[in-house]
Amino acid sequence: MFYLIAARSLNGVIGDNGEMPWGRTMPIDLRNVKELTTGHPVLMGRKTYDSIGRALPNRRNIILSREVDLIIPDCEVMTFAEVLNTTFDKPAFVFGGEQIYRLFAPYISKAYITVIEHEFEGDTYLPDLPGEWIEISRKHHAKDDQNAYDCTFYVYEKVK
C-alpha cells in the first residue's frame, strides 16, 4: 500500500532548484511529516534525498534510482520495479520528487497534502493524481511566530 505525502504551494509548486521554496519556515509541516511517517518506509528519488542530505531517522529509507550500484548510507537503493515487488508491513510513504510522484501516482491509495497558502516560483510541481478522490479531513493552521505562512493539511482517499 502506498501513501503520498507532499507539501505544495497554492500554485502547485513543490520545489525550486532542489529545495522547498518556503525553506524551513514551516516547522509545523515538518512535525506533521515526522508524526505520519515515523516507523514507515519512505520512498524518495535521489534528488529528494540529496535535498534532505541524510536518511530520515526511525524510518526505512528507500531511494529510487536506475543506478543499481549506488550506495547511500543508512538507505536502501531500489529500482521502481523492485519497490513494486516488495512487500511492506506498513504503508510506504511516497516522499517525492515530482518524477517519483508521477511514477507512483496510479498506485497511491491515500494522499496527505499540505497546502502552503502562498504562491511561489519554482521548477517542480505536484502532479495531479489519476482517478477519483474524496477529502476525508482538513485542518487549517494560521501563520504564527514560528510558521511564516497559513497552511492547510488535507487527507484524501482514492475512491475504489
C-alpha atoms as a PDB file:
ATOM      1  CA  MET A   1       0.000   0.000   0.000  1.00  0.00           C
ATOM      2  CA  PHE A   2       1.382   3.399  -0.992  1.00  0.00           C
ATOM      3  CA  TYR A   3       0.516   6.774   0.512  1.00  0.00           C
ATOM      4  CA  LEU A   4       1.604  10.098  -0.933  1.00  0.00           C
ATOM      5  CA  ILE A   5       2.921  12.822   1.347  1.00  0.00           C
ATOM      6  CA  ALA A   6       3.722  16.268  -0.007  1.00  0.00           C
ATOM      7  CA  ALA A   7       3.659  19.977   0.666  1.00  0.00           C
ATOM      8  CA  ARG A   8       2.787  22.309  -2.180  1.00  0.00           C
ATOM      9  CA  SER A   9       2.066  25.975  -2.709  1.00  0.00           C
ATOM     10  CA  LEU A  10      -1.266  27.375  -3.882  1.00  0.00           C
ATOM     11  CA  ASN A  11       0.044  27.194  -7.454  1.00  0.00           C
ATOM     12  CA  GLY A  12       1.229  23.578  -7.083  1.00  0.00           C
ATOM     13  CA  VAL A  13       4.955  24.229  -6.642  1.00  0.00           C
ATOM     14  CA  ILE A  14       6.847  21.676  -4.529  1.00  0.00           C
ATOM     15  CA  GLY A  15      10.421  22.664  -5.336  1.00  0.00           C
ATOM     16  CA  ASP A  16      12.821  25.181  -6.770  1.00  0.00           C
ATOM     17  CA  ASN A  17      16.437  24.294  -7.545  1.00  0.00           C
ATOM     18  CA  GLY A  18      16.234  21.190  -5.364  1.00  0.00           C
ATOM     19  CA  GLU A  19      14.825  22.976  -2.322  1.00  0.00           C
ATOM     20  CA  MET A  20      11.375  23.690  -0.921  1.00  0.00           C
ATOM     21  CA  PRO A  21      10.572  27.279  -1.971  1.00  0.00           C
ATOM     22  CA  TRP A  22       9.420  28.142   1.574  1.00  0.00           C
ATOM     23  CA  GLY A  23      12.649  26.722   3.000  1.00  0.00           C
ATOM     24  CA  ARG A  24      12.489  25.772   6.666  1.00  0.00           C
ATOM     25  CA  THR A  25       9.864  28.405   7.508  1.00  0.00           C
ATOM     26  CA  MET A  26       7.089  25.840   8.149  1.00  0.00           C
ATOM     27  CA  PRO A  27       8.152  23.663  11.111  1.00  0.00           C
ATOM     28  CA  ILE A  28       4.520  22.637  11.686  1.00  0.00           C
ATOM     29  CA  ASP A  29       4.600  20.807   8.351  1.00  0.00           C
ATOM     30  CA  LEU A  30       7.898  19.115   9.190  1.00  0.00           C
ATOM     31  CA  ARG A  31       6.413  17.919  12.504  1.00  0.00           C
ATOM     32  CA  ASN A  32       3.345  16.613  10.669  1.00  0.00           C
ATOM     33  CA  VAL A  33       5.556  14.664   8.250  1.00  0.00           C
ATOM     34  CA  LYS A  34       7.563  13.218  11.132  1.00  0.00           C
ATOM     35  CA  GLU A  35       4.425  12.147  13.031  1.00  0.00           C
ATOM     36  CA  LEU A  36       2.872  10.495   9.972  1.00  0.00           C
ATOM     37  CA  THR A  37       5.941   8.729   8.587  1.00  0.00           C
ATOM     38  CA  THR A  38       7.916   7.603  11.649  1.00  0.00           C
ATOM     39  CA  GLY A  39       8.043   3.814  11.668  1.00  0.00           C
ATOM     40  CA  HIS A  40       7.039   3.568   7.995  1.00  0.00           C
ATOM     41  CA  PRO A  41       9.047   3.052   4.822  1.00  0.00           C
ATOM     42  CA  VAL A  42       9.653   6.291   2.912  1.00  0.00           C
ATOM     43  CA  LEU A  43      10.295   6.229  -0.837  1.00  0.00           C
ATOM     44  CA  MET A  44      12.116   9.094  -2.498  1.00  0.00           C
ATOM     45  CA  GLY A  45      14.183   9.901  -5.516  1.00  0.00           C
ATOM     46  CA  ARG A  46      17.886  10.617  -5.267  1.00  0.00           C
ATOM     47  CA  LYS A  47      17.378  14.352  -5.800  1.00  0.00           C
ATOM     48  CA  THR A  48      14.927  14.495  -2.890  1.00  0.00           C
ATOM     49  CA  TYR A  49      17.383  12.544  -0.755  1.00  0.00           C
ATOM     50  CA  ASP A  50      20.158  14.971  -1.759  1.00  0.00           C
ATOM     51  CA  SER A  51      17.992  17.944  -0.747  1.00  0.00           C
ATOM     52  CA  ILE A  52      17.410  16.372   2.692  1.00  0.00           C
ATOM     53  CA  GLY A  53      21.050  15.340   2.957  1.00  0.00           C
ATOM     54  CA  ARG A  54      20.618  12.315   5.212  1.00  0.00           C
ATOM     55  CA  ALA A  55      18.433   9.317   5.944  1.00  0.00           C
ATOM     56  CA  LEU A  56      15.304  10.194   7.918  1.00  0.00           C
ATOM     57  CA  PRO A  57      15.564   8.660  11.396  1.00  0.00           C
ATOM     58  CA  ASN A  58      13.260   5.857  12.545  1.00  0.00           C
ATOM     59  CA  ARG A  59      12.100   5.100   9.015  1.00  0.00           C
ATOM     60  CA  ARG A  60      13.084   2.597   6.351  1.00  0.00           C
ATOM     61  CA  ASN A  61      14.614   4.950   3.762  1.00  0.00           C
ATOM     62  CA  ILE A  62      14.364   3.670   0.194  1.00  0.00           C
ATOM     63  CA  ILE A  63      15.968   5.700  -2.568  1.00  0.00           C
ATOM     64  CA  LEU A  64      14.723   5.028  -6.088  1.00  0.00           C
ATOM     65  CA  SER A  65      17.408   5.008  -8.729  1.00  0.00           C
ATOM     66  CA  ARG A  66      18.239   3.392 -12.040  1.00  0.00           C
ATOM     67  CA  GLU A  67      21.877   3.181 -10.826  1.00  0.00           C
ATOM     68  CA  VAL A  68      21.929  -0.338  -9.393  1.00  0.00           C
ATOM     69  CA  ASP A  69      25.386   0.072  -7.803  1.00  0.00           C
ATOM     70  CA  LEU A  70      24.552   3.316  -5.985  1.00  0.00           C
ATOM     71  CA  ILE A  71      25.328   3.165  -2.261  1.00  0.00           C
ATOM     72  CA  ILE A  72      23.759   5.666   0.136  1.00  0.00           C
ATOM     73  CA  PRO A  73      24.493   5.404   3.873  1.00  0.00           C
ATOM     74  CA  ASP A  74      21.602   4.128   6.036  1.00  0.00           C
ATOM     75  CA  CYS A  75      19.364   3.734   2.964  1.00  0.00           C
ATOM     76  CA  GLU A  76      18.308   1.007   0.577  1.00  0.00           C
ATOM     77  CA  VAL A  77      18.580   1.734  -3.131  1.00  0.00           C
ATOM     78  CA  MET A  78      15.947   0.097  -5.352  1.00  0.00           C
ATOM     79  CA  THR A  79      14.527   0.412  -8.814  1.00  0.00           C
ATOM     80  CA  PHE A  80      10.855   1.216  -9.286  1.00  0.00           C
ATOM     81  CA  ALA A  81      10.173  -2.416 -10.279  1.00  0.00           C
ATOM     82  CA  GLU A  82      11.907  -3.692  -7.140  1.00  0.00           C
ATOM     83  CA  VAL A  83       9.774  -1.439  -4.949  1.00  0.00           C
ATOM     84  CA  LEU A  84       6.582  -2.649  -6.631  1.00  0.00           C
ATOM     85  CA  ASN A  85       7.653  -6.236  -5.931  1.00  0.00           C
ATOM     86  CA  THR A  86       8.499  -5.566  -2.274  1.00  0.00           C
ATOM     87  CA  THR A  87       6.034  -6.437   0.472  1.00  0.00           C
ATOM     88  CA  PHE A  88       5.896  -3.770   3.173  1.00  0.00           C
ATOM     89  CA  ASP A  89       4.490  -4.481   6.634  1.00  0.00           C
ATOM     90  CA  LYS A  90       3.155  -0.900   6.847  1.00  0.00           C
ATOM     91  CA  PRO A  91       2.036   1.572   4.186  1.00  0.00           C
ATOM     92  CA  ALA A  92       5.007   3.123   2.385  1.00  0.00           C
ATOM     93  CA  PHE A  93       5.008   6.907   2.034  1.00  0.00           C
ATOM     94  CA  VAL A  94       5.956   8.279  -1.378  1.00  0.00           C
ATOM     95  CA  PHE A  95       8.075  11.304  -0.490  1.00  0.00           C
ATOM     96  CA  GLY A  96       8.902  12.820  -3.879  1.00  0.00           C
ATOM     97  CA  GLY A  97      10.091  14.454  -6.003  1.00  0.00           C
ATOM     98  CA  GLU A  98       7.925  15.160  -8.996  1.00  0.00           C
ATOM     99  CA  GLN A  99       9.136  12.219 -11.118  1.00  0.00           C
ATOM    100  CA  ILE A 100       8.667   9.782  -8.234  1.00  0.00           C
ATOM    101  CA  TYR A 101       5.154  11.118  -7.588  1.00  0.00           C
ATOM    102  CA  ARG A 102       4.351  10.588 -11.281  1.00  0.00           C
ATOM    103  CA  LEU A 103       5.691   7.006 -11.235  1.00  0.00           C
ATOM    104  CA  PHE A 104       3.667   6.025  -8.178  1.00  0.00           C
ATOM    105  CA  ALA A 105       0.503   8.037  -8.959  1.00  0.00           C
ATOM    106  CA  PRO A 106      -1.516   5.010 -10.176  1.00  0.00           C
ATOM    107  CA  TYR A 107      -0.617   3.067  -7.007  1.00  0.00           C
ATOM    108  CA  ILE A 108      -1.418   5.723  -4.377  1.00  0.00           C
ATOM    109  CA  SER A 109      -4.434   4.927  -2.167  1.00  0.00           C
ATOM    110  CA  LYS A 110      -4.218   7.834   0.286  1.00  0.00           C
ATOM    111  CA  ALA A 111      -2.692  11.305  -0.038  1.00  0.00           C
ATOM    112  CA  TYR A 112      -1.530  13.620   2.737  1.00  0.00           C
ATOM    113  CA  ILE A 113      -1.089  17.048   1.191  1.00  0.00           C
ATOM    114  CA  THR A 114      -0.115  20.230   2.981  1.00  0.00           C
ATOM    115  CA  VAL A 115      -1.063  23.353   1.057  1.00  0.00           C
ATOM    116  CA  ILE A 116       1.168  26.302   1.907  1.00  0.00           C
ATOM    117  CA  GLU A 117      -1.205  29.183   1.300  1.00  0.00           C
ATOM    118  CA  HIS A 118       1.101  31.324  -0.789  1.00  0.00           C
ATOM    119  CA  GLU A 119       2.191  31.287  -4.436  1.00  0.00           C
ATOM    120  CA  PHE A 120       5.866  30.566  -5.096  1.00  0.00           C
ATOM    121  CA  GLU A 121       8.115  30.481  -8.129  1.00  0.00           C
ATOM    122  CA  GLY A 122       9.514  27.035  -8.764  1.00  0.00           C
ATOM    123  CA  ASP A 123      10.591  24.382 -11.218  1.00  0.00           C
ATOM    124  CA  THR A 124       8.953  21.309  -9.680  1.00  0.00           C
ATOM    125  CA  TYR A 125       5.218  20.652  -9.286  1.00  0.00           C
ATOM    126  CA  LEU A 126       2.972  18.140  -7.567  1.00  0.00           C
ATOM    127  CA  PRO A 127       1.271  16.205 -10.372  1.00  0.00           C
ATOM    128  CA  ASP A 128      -2.451  15.517 -10.360  1.00  0.00           C
ATOM    129  CA  LEU A 129      -3.390  12.069  -9.126  1.00  0.00           C
ATOM    130  CA  PRO A 130      -5.398   9.891 -11.509  1.00  0.00           C
ATOM    131  CA  GLY A 131      -8.825   8.627 -10.550  1.00  0.00           C
ATOM    132  CA  GLU A 132     -11.485   9.874  -8.184  1.00  0.00           C
ATOM    133  CA  TRP A 133     -10.588  11.099  -4.694  1.00  0.00           C
ATOM    134  CA  ILE A 134     -12.564  12.136  -1.636  1.00  0.00           C
ATOM    135  CA  GLU A 135     -11.372  14.529   1.022  1.00  0.00           C
ATOM    136  CA  ILE A 136     -11.544  12.779   4.384  1.00  0.00           C
ATOM    137  CA  SER A 137     -10.099  15.546   6.549  1.00  0.00           C
ATOM    138  CA  ARG A 138      -8.663  19.018   6.580  1.00  0.00           C
ATOM    139  CA  LYS A 139      -7.089  21.099   9.304  1.00  0.00           C
ATOM    140  CA  HIS A 140      -6.116  24.744   8.928  1.00  0.00           C
ATOM    141  CA  HIS A 141      -3.155  26.334  10.709  1.00  0.00           C
ATOM    142  CA  ALA A 142      -2.763  30.115  10.696  1.00  0.00           C
ATOM    143  CA  LYS A 143       0.704  31.602  10.346  1.00  0.00           C
ATOM    144  CA  ASP A 144       2.327  32.403  13.650  1.00  0.00           C
ATOM    145  CA  ASP A 145       5.698  33.409  15.071  1.00  0.00           C
ATOM    146  CA  GLN A 146       7.208  30.036  14.054  1.00  0.00           C
ATOM    147  CA  ASN A 147       5.422  29.420  10.727  1.00  0.00           C
ATOM    148  CA  ALA A 148       5.687  32.039   8.001  1.00  0.00           C
ATOM    149  CA  TYR A 149       2.501  31.139   6.094  1.00  0.00           C
ATOM    150  CA  ASP A 150      -1.008  29.854   6.651  1.00  0.00           C
ATOM    151  CA  CYS A 151      -1.331  26.210   5.665  1.00  0.00           C
ATOM    152  CA  THR A 152      -3.972  23.517   5.460  1.00  0.00           C
ATOM    153  CA  PHE A 153      -3.392  19.804   5.987  1.00  0.00           C
ATOM    154  CA  TYR A 154      -5.577  17.679   3.691  1.00  0.00           C
ATOM    155  CA  VAL A 155      -6.082  13.924   3.657  1.00  0.00           C
ATOM    156  CA  TYR A 156      -7.625  12.290   0.575  1.00  0.00           C
ATOM    157  CA  GLU A 157      -8.606   8.682  -0.123  1.00  0.00           C
ATOM    158  CA  LYS A 158      -8.906   7.162  -3.545  1.00  0.00           C
ATOM    159  CA  VAL A 159     -12.426   6.013  -4.367  1.00  0.00           C
ATOM    160  CA  LYS A 160     -12.321   2.283  -5.043  1.00  0.00           C
END
